Amino acid sequence: MEKEVAMVQRLVWVGPEDLYRTLQLLSHGPLPFPQALESLRHVVDDPLESLLLAEEVGLCQQEGLGFRLTEAGEAWLNSPWEVPSKLHLFLLENLPFPEALDLLIDHGPTLPLVALLPLFPKSPRGEKAARALAEWGALLGYWDLVEDRIERW
């Protein structure tokens, strides 16, 4: 009998690299919103979502019409392997790590990223969310990410 896979309630499609690049941009000092978006368009896939995620998890904050890093954002820039607790909790609440781990266990030592797609809505953002899940899971130590697959430790 096949397991029923629960779908996420909220899509998170920003991966750790894009979030980190967002903070790097803000590390040079507060940036007005339009300038931040324009600059981010050159380095991340979804500038607005990256800024919103950074703000939601306390890595940056809006100040007037611009954004600046918080102490938590500066700390993560200085030590990217130490994921801030608010970000970690947000990821645990919004990404289906248990379901992905179940798929990995059921499938064997490796799982192609396409096998994560049923955890998300069928859309380009759903595909990005599956990739973000794989990237965050690797950063958090749940698995290794090797090209287009995740692998058990």
Protein backbone atom coordinates (compact mmCIF):
# COMPACT_ATOMS: atom_id res chain seq x y z
CA MET A 1 0.00 0.00 0.00
CA GLU A 2 1.38 3.39 -0.98
CA LYS A 3 1.79 6.11 1.61
CA GLU A 4 -0.21 9.26 1.21
CA VAL A 5 2.10 12.25 0.91
CA ALA A 6 1.08 15.45 2.69
CA MET A 7 1.59 18.64 0.73
CA VAL A 8 3.11 21.73 2.31
CA GLN A 9 0.88 24.58 3.39
CA ARG A 10 3.32 27.37 2.56
CA LEU A 11 5.85 27.36 -0.23
CA VAL A 12 9.42 28.24 0.60
CA TRP A 13 11.38 28.37 -2.62
CA VAL A 14 14.37 30.44 -1.54
CA GLY A 15 17.40 28.28 -0.91
CA PRO A 16 20.30 28.98 1.44
CA GLU A 17 22.59 30.35 -1.27
CA ASP A 18 20.09 32.98 -2.41
CA LEU A 19 19.28 33.97 1.15
CA TYR A 20 22.98 34.26 1.95
CA ARG A 21 23.60 36.39 -1.17
CA THR A 22 20.75 38.66 -0.10
CA LEU A 23 22.43 39.22 3.24
CA GLN A 24 25.80 39.81 1.58
CA LEU A 25 24.26 42.59 -0.47
CA LEU A 26 22.75 44.19 2.65
CA SER A 27 26.03 43.87 4.56
CA HIS A 28 27.37 46.99 2.82
CA GLY A 29 24.85 49.13 4.67
CA PRO A 30 21.14 49.89 4.51
CA LEU A 31 19.73 49.87 0.99
CA PRO A 32 16.57 51.55 -0.25
CA PHE A 33 13.99 48.98 -1.34
CA PRO A 34 14.13 49.72 -5.11
CA GLN A 35 17.94 49.63 -5.12
CA ALA A 36 17.99 46.40 -3.12
CA LEU A 37 15.58 44.73 -5.54
CA GLU A 38 17.49 45.92 -8.59
CA SER A 39 20.83 44.73 -7.20
CA LEU A 40 19.38 41.39 -6.10
CA ARG A 41 17.95 40.72 -9.57
CA HIS A 42 21.53 40.14 -10.69
CA VAL A 43 22.41 37.59 -8.01
CA VAL A 44 19.28 35.69 -6.87
CA ASP A 45 16.34 34.01 -8.57
CA ASP A 46 13.56 35.78 -6.67
CA PRO A 47 14.72 39.06 -5.10
CA LEU A 48 11.45 40.00 -3.43
CA GLU A 49 10.90 36.57 -1.88
CA SER A 50 14.53 36.51 -0.69
CA LEU A 51 14.13 39.88 1.05
CA LEU A 52 10.79 38.88 2.57
CA LEU A 53 12.19 35.61 3.91
CA ALA A 54 15.24 37.37 5.37
CA GLU A 55 12.95 39.85 7.10
CA GLU A 56 10.49 37.20 8.31
CA VAL A 57 13.20 35.17 10.04
CA GLY A 58 14.90 38.22 11.55
CA LEU A 59 18.03 38.36 9.39
CA CYS A 60 17.23 41.84 8.10
CA GLN A 61 14.66 44.47 8.91
CA GLN A 62 12.91 47.18 7.06
CA GLU A 63 13.99 50.60 8.15
CA GLY A 64 12.01 53.39 6.53
CA LEU A 65 12.05 52.64 2.82
CA GLY A 66 15.09 50.40 3.00
CA PHE A 67 16.48 47.21 4.49
CA ARG A 68 19.41 46.62 6.81
CA LEU A 69 21.01 43.55 8.39
CA THR A 70 20.18 42.59 11.95
CA GLU A 71 22.68 41.12 14.40
CA ALA A 72 21.34 37.66 13.52
CA GLY A 73 21.95 38.35 9.82
CA GLU A 74 25.50 39.51 10.49
CA ALA A 75 26.13 36.42 12.63
CA TRP A 76 24.94 34.09 9.86
CA LEU A 77 27.13 35.87 7.31
CA ASN A 78 30.13 35.30 9.58
CA SER A 79 29.27 31.66 10.27
CA PRO A 80 27.00 30.26 7.52
CA TRP A 81 27.06 26.69 8.87
CA GLU A 82 25.39 27.88 12.09
CA VAL A 83 21.81 28.44 10.96
CA PRO A 84 20.09 30.99 13.23
CA SER A 85 17.46 29.40 15.47
CA LYS A 86 14.57 31.51 14.13
CA LEU A 87 15.45 30.52 10.55
CA HIS A 88 15.88 26.88 11.55
CA LEU A 89 12.49 26.83 13.26
CA PHE A 90 10.85 28.53 10.27
CA LEU A 91 12.30 25.89 7.93
CA LEU A 92 11.16 23.03 10.18
CA GLU A 93 7.64 24.47 10.25
CA ASN A 94 7.39 25.16 6.51
CA LEU A 95 9.40 22.52 4.66
CA PRO A 96 8.40 18.83 4.65
CA PHE A 97 11.63 17.36 6.01
CA PRO A 98 9.96 14.31 7.65
CA GLU A 99 8.18 13.38 4.41
CA ALA A 100 11.38 13.86 2.40
CA LEU A 101 13.31 11.67 4.85
CA ASP A 102 10.60 9.01 4.59
CA LEU A 103 10.91 9.07 0.79
CA LEU A 104 14.69 8.79 1.05
CA ILE A 105 14.47 5.86 3.46
CA ASP A 106 11.86 4.08 1.30
CA HIS A 107 13.74 4.69 -1.94
CA GLY A 108 17.18 3.62 -0.79
CA PRO A 109 20.47 5.39 -0.25
CA THR A 110 19.81 7.98 -2.99
CA LEU A 111 16.73 9.85 -4.12
CA PRO A 112 16.43 11.91 -7.31
CA LEU A 113 15.18 15.44 -6.69
CA VAL A 114 12.19 14.81 -8.96
CA ALA A 115 10.92 12.39 -6.30
CA LEU A 116 10.43 15.42 -4.00
CA LEU A 117 8.05 17.12 -6.43
CA PRO A 118 4.87 15.41 -5.11
CA LEU A 119 5.46 17.21 -1.79
CA PHE A 120 4.72 20.53 -3.51
CA PRO A 121 2.11 22.00 -5.86
CA LYS A 122 2.68 21.34 -9.55
CA SER A 123 4.15 24.65 -10.68
CA PRO A 124 7.51 26.27 -11.38
CA ARG A 125 7.53 27.50 -7.77
CA GLY A 126 6.81 23.97 -6.59
CA GLU A 127 9.89 22.82 -8.48
CA LYS A 128 11.95 25.61 -6.90
CA ALA A 129 10.60 24.63 -3.48
CA ALA A 130 11.70 21.02 -4.02
CA ARG A 131 15.20 22.25 -4.85
CA ALA A 132 15.18 24.58 -1.82
CA LEU A 133 14.12 21.65 0.39
CA ALA A 134 17.07 19.63 -0.88
CA GLU A 135 19.50 22.51 -0.34
CA TRP A 136 18.26 23.38 3.16
CA GLY A 137 18.22 19.71 4.16
CA ALA A 138 21.85 19.39 3.10
CA LEU A 139 22.85 22.52 5.02
CA LEU A 140 21.02 21.29 8.12
CA GLY A 141 22.70 17.89 7.88
CA TYR A 142 19.73 15.68 6.99
CA TRP A 143 21.38 14.40 3.79
CA ASP A 144 24.00 15.16 1.18
CA LEU A 145 23.00 16.98 -1.99
CA VAL A 146 24.86 15.66 -5.02
CA GLU A 147 23.86 17.31 -8.30
CA ASP A 148 20.28 16.18 -8.90
CA ARG A 149 19.82 13.79 -5.99
CA ILE A 150 19.96 13.60 -2.22
CA GLU A 151 21.89 10.86 -0.43
CA ARG A 152 21.67 9.42 3.04
CA TRP A 153 24.62 9.84 5.35
